[in-house]
Amino acid sequence: MNDTLVTLVGNAATGVEFRETATGGMARFRFAVTPRRWDREKQLWTDGHTSFYTVWAWRTLALNLSGSVSVGEPLVVHGRLKVREEEREGQRRTFVDIEAVAVGHDLTRGTAAFRRVLRGEPALTARAGSAERSGASARPEGFTGPDGPDGPDGPDGPDVLGDPGDSGKPYGSATKRPTDRQKAGKKLASVP
């Protein structure tokens, strides 16, 4: 097949809209890509013209997107470029879509914590807003994120990935209890 695969770096311009369909989940969101160039005359970086794309995702990627991406977050999107023309209100308009193969946070602009999703556990990808609509918890039981039981505000002090300067010991020192996240990671690592 002669597909045009592209990789775009930009920001989520809208929230992710997720819907269940007969073939599985479907998600879409608008994606903004703004090139930055060095202006030699002014001696500073300037923004170019922003291009907008509609990103489409299906099945597991769609579900994971709905629980992972918020407006304004920096992303890297890899997928098939689709250009379509439609006539609306007597005017011919061109739309540029990306059928996503992979989407991730742009780690040149921040950090992210990856959580493997086990099939049949949709609560792991639920966000606060989507959890209220579905009646599910926004966080899985035993969550040990920044404000979970082992987070900096929890009773056990800093998270596993917390600042080693807090205790003067390296990350994951033997004096700290393993978190549920660590236990789950070891359990997944032992699965063939």
Protein backbone atom coordinates (compact mmCIF):
# COMPACT_ATOMS: atom_id res chain seq x y z
CA MET A 1 0.00 0.00 0.00
CA ASN A 2 1.23 3.49 -0.77
CA ASP A 3 0.55 5.37 2.45
CA THR A 4 2.19 8.66 3.33
CA LEU A 5 3.52 8.27 6.87
CA VAL A 6 4.33 11.47 8.75
CA THR A 7 5.62 12.37 12.19
CA LEU A 8 4.40 15.66 13.66
CA VAL A 9 5.54 17.49 16.80
CA GLY A 10 3.09 19.94 18.34
CA ASN A 11 0.38 20.42 20.95
CA ALA A 12 -3.10 19.03 21.55
CA ALA A 13 -5.39 21.91 20.55
CA THR A 14 -8.61 20.30 21.81
CA GLY A 15 -9.57 17.60 24.27
CA VAL A 16 -9.81 14.03 23.05
CA GLU A 17 -13.33 13.02 22.00
CA PHE A 18 -13.83 9.29 22.59
CA ARG A 19 -16.73 7.15 21.31
CA GLU A 20 -17.47 3.45 21.32
CA THR A 21 -18.27 2.08 17.86
CA ALA A 22 -19.23 -1.36 16.54
CA THR A 23 -15.56 -2.08 15.74
CA GLY A 24 -14.13 -0.71 19.02
CA GLY A 25 -13.22 2.69 20.38
CA MET A 26 -12.65 5.75 18.21
CA ALA A 27 -10.99 8.99 19.31
CA ARG A 28 -10.18 12.27 17.65
CA PHE A 29 -8.63 15.59 18.60
CA ARG A 30 -7.22 18.66 16.89
CA PHE A 31 -3.46 18.98 16.80
CA ALA A 32 -1.56 22.25 16.34
CA VAL A 33 1.92 22.38 14.81
CA THR A 34 3.78 25.69 14.95
CA PRO A 35 7.28 25.90 13.45
CA ARG A 36 9.84 28.04 15.31
CA ARG A 37 12.65 29.77 13.49
CA TRP A 38 15.62 31.84 14.59
CA ASP A 39 15.24 35.45 13.39
CA ARG A 40 18.80 36.67 12.75
CA GLU A 41 17.80 40.32 12.56
CA LYS A 42 15.91 40.39 15.87
CA GLN A 43 18.17 37.77 17.50
CA LEU A 44 15.25 35.76 18.89
CA TRP A 45 13.00 32.79 18.14
CA THR A 46 9.77 33.54 16.28
CA ASP A 47 6.70 31.41 15.66
CA GLY A 48 5.65 30.59 12.12
CA HIS A 49 2.14 29.90 10.80
CA THR A 50 0.26 27.27 12.86
CA SER A 51 -1.09 24.27 10.95
CA PHE A 52 -4.02 22.29 12.39
CA TYR A 53 -4.66 18.60 11.84
CA THR A 54 -7.41 16.26 13.00
CA VAL A 55 -5.87 13.17 14.57
CA TRP A 56 -7.94 9.97 14.47
CA ALA A 57 -7.20 6.85 16.49
CA TRP A 58 -8.92 3.49 16.82
CA ARG A 59 -9.33 0.68 19.36
CA THR A 60 -6.69 0.50 22.13
CA LEU A 61 -4.83 3.63 21.00
CA ALA A 62 -8.11 5.57 21.10
CA LEU A 63 -8.90 4.42 24.63
CA ASN A 64 -5.39 5.17 25.88
CA LEU A 65 -5.45 8.62 24.25
CA SER A 66 -8.68 9.52 26.00
CA GLY A 67 -7.09 8.75 29.36
CA SER A 68 -3.69 10.28 28.69
CA VAL A 69 -3.95 13.50 26.67
CA SER A 70 -5.26 16.91 27.74
CA VAL A 71 -5.49 20.24 25.92
CA GLY A 72 -2.13 21.98 25.48
CA GLU A 73 0.08 18.95 26.12
CA PRO A 74 3.12 18.59 23.84
CA LEU A 75 2.85 15.46 21.69
CA VAL A 76 4.58 13.52 18.94
CA VAL A 77 2.09 11.97 16.49
CA HIS A 78 3.07 9.35 13.92
CA GLY A 79 0.54 8.17 11.36
CA ARG A 80 -0.93 8.14 7.87
CA LEU A 81 -1.56 11.49 6.21
CA LYS A 82 -5.02 11.82 4.65
CA VAL A 83 -6.13 14.90 2.69
CA ARG A 84 -9.81 15.21 1.83
CA GLU A 85 -11.97 17.85 0.22
CA GLU A 86 -15.58 18.57 1.10
CA GLU A 87 -18.12 21.07 -0.05
CA ARG A 88 -19.81 22.93 2.81
CA GLU A 89 -22.20 25.83 2.41
CA GLY A 90 -21.24 26.19 -1.23
CA GLN A 91 -17.51 26.40 -0.51
CA ARG A 92 -14.94 23.74 -1.22
CA ARG A 93 -12.78 23.10 1.87
CA THR A 94 -9.67 20.99 2.38
CA PHE A 95 -9.16 18.95 5.56
CA VAL A 96 -5.92 17.31 6.62
CA ASP A 97 -6.24 14.27 8.87
CA ILE A 98 -3.72 11.99 10.52
CA GLU A 99 -4.76 8.38 11.15
CA ALA A 100 -2.53 7.77 14.17
CA VAL A 101 -0.30 4.73 14.45
CA ALA A 102 1.47 5.97 17.60
CA VAL A 103 1.14 9.01 19.88
CA GLY A 104 3.36 9.99 22.78
CA HIS A 105 4.27 12.95 24.94
CA ASP A 106 7.17 15.09 23.70
CA LEU A 107 9.80 14.44 26.35
CA THR A 108 11.98 17.33 25.19
CA ARG A 109 9.43 19.58 26.91
CA GLY A 110 8.64 17.63 30.09
CA THR A 111 8.47 14.25 31.77
CA ALA A 112 5.88 11.49 31.67
CA ALA A 113 5.24 8.32 33.66
CA PHE A 114 4.22 5.30 31.59
CA ARG A 115 1.63 2.88 32.97
CA ARG A 116 1.04 -0.39 31.16
CA VAL A 117 -2.68 -1.04 30.72
CA LEU A 118 -3.87 -4.56 31.32
CA ARG A 119 -6.74 -5.64 29.08
CA GLY A 120 -10.07 -5.52 30.83
CA GLU A 121 -9.04 -2.73 33.24
CA PRO A 122 -10.43 0.46 31.65
CA ALA A 123 -10.11 2.36 34.95
CA LEU A 124 -6.36 2.59 34.31
CA THR A 125 -6.94 4.98 31.41
CA ALA A 126 -9.81 6.97 32.92
CA ARG A 127 -9.39 10.68 33.59
CA ALA A 128 -11.34 12.57 36.24
CA GLY A 129 -13.96 13.84 33.77
CA SER A 130 -14.46 10.53 32.00
CA ALA A 131 -14.55 8.62 35.29
CA GLU A 132 -17.42 10.73 36.58
CA ARG A 133 -19.43 10.02 33.43
CA SER A 134 -18.77 6.28 33.53
CA GLY A 135 -19.04 5.91 37.30
CA ALA A 136 -15.50 4.47 37.49
CA SER A 137 -12.71 5.70 39.70
CA ALA A 138 -10.37 8.22 38.08
CA ARG A 139 -7.41 6.33 39.54
CA PRO A 140 -6.91 2.62 39.96
CA GLU A 141 -6.97 1.17 43.44
CA GLY A 142 -3.56 1.45 45.10
CA PHE A 143 -2.45 4.32 42.84
CA THR A 144 0.88 5.70 43.99
CA GLY A 145 1.13 8.86 41.95
CA PRO A 146 2.16 12.30 43.22
CA ASP A 147 -0.75 12.58 45.63
CA GLY A 148 -1.32 8.86 46.21
CA PRO A 149 -0.47 6.97 49.43
CA ASP A 150 3.27 6.83 48.67
CA GLY A 151 3.49 10.28 47.07
CA PRO A 152 5.13 13.35 48.62
CA ASP A 153 1.92 14.22 50.45
CA GLY A 154 1.25 10.64 51.55
CA PRO A 155 2.19 9.08 54.90
CA ASP A 156 5.24 7.26 53.52
CA GLY A 157 7.12 10.27 52.19
CA PRO A 158 8.46 10.70 48.67
CA ASP A 159 7.34 8.57 45.76
CA VAL A 160 9.70 5.91 44.39
CA LEU A 161 10.82 8.42 41.81
CA GLY A 162 10.96 11.18 44.41
CA ASP A 163 13.94 13.40 45.13
CA PRO A 164 16.82 11.37 46.57
CA GLY A 165 17.85 14.50 48.45
CA ASP A 166 14.86 14.03 50.75
CA SER A 167 16.44 11.05 52.47
CA GLY A 168 20.01 11.25 51.21
CA LYS A 169 19.64 7.76 49.71
CA PRO A 170 19.46 6.72 46.04
CA TYR A 171 16.16 6.10 44.25
CA GLY A 172 14.34 2.99 45.38
CA SER A 173 16.53 2.50 48.46
CA ALA A 174 16.04 -0.61 50.57
CA THR A 175 14.44 1.34 53.43
CA LYS A 176 11.40 2.26 51.33
CA ARG A 177 8.52 -0.17 50.84
CA PRO A 178 7.95 -1.18 47.22
CA THR A 179 4.93 0.58 45.78
CA ASP A 180 2.05 -1.08 43.97
CA ARG A 181 3.49 0.32 40.73
CA GLN A 182 6.83 -1.42 41.38
CA LYS A 183 5.07 -4.68 42.26
CA ALA A 184 2.97 -4.51 39.09
CA GLY A 185 6.09 -3.78 37.01
CA LYS A 186 7.92 -6.80 38.44
CA LYS A 187 4.84 -8.95 37.89
CA LEU A 188 4.62 -7.85 34.22
CA ALA A 189 8.35 -8.31 33.72
CA SER A 190 8.11 -11.93 34.86
CA VAL A 191 5.33 -12.75 32.38
CA PRO A 192 6.83 -14.57 29.33
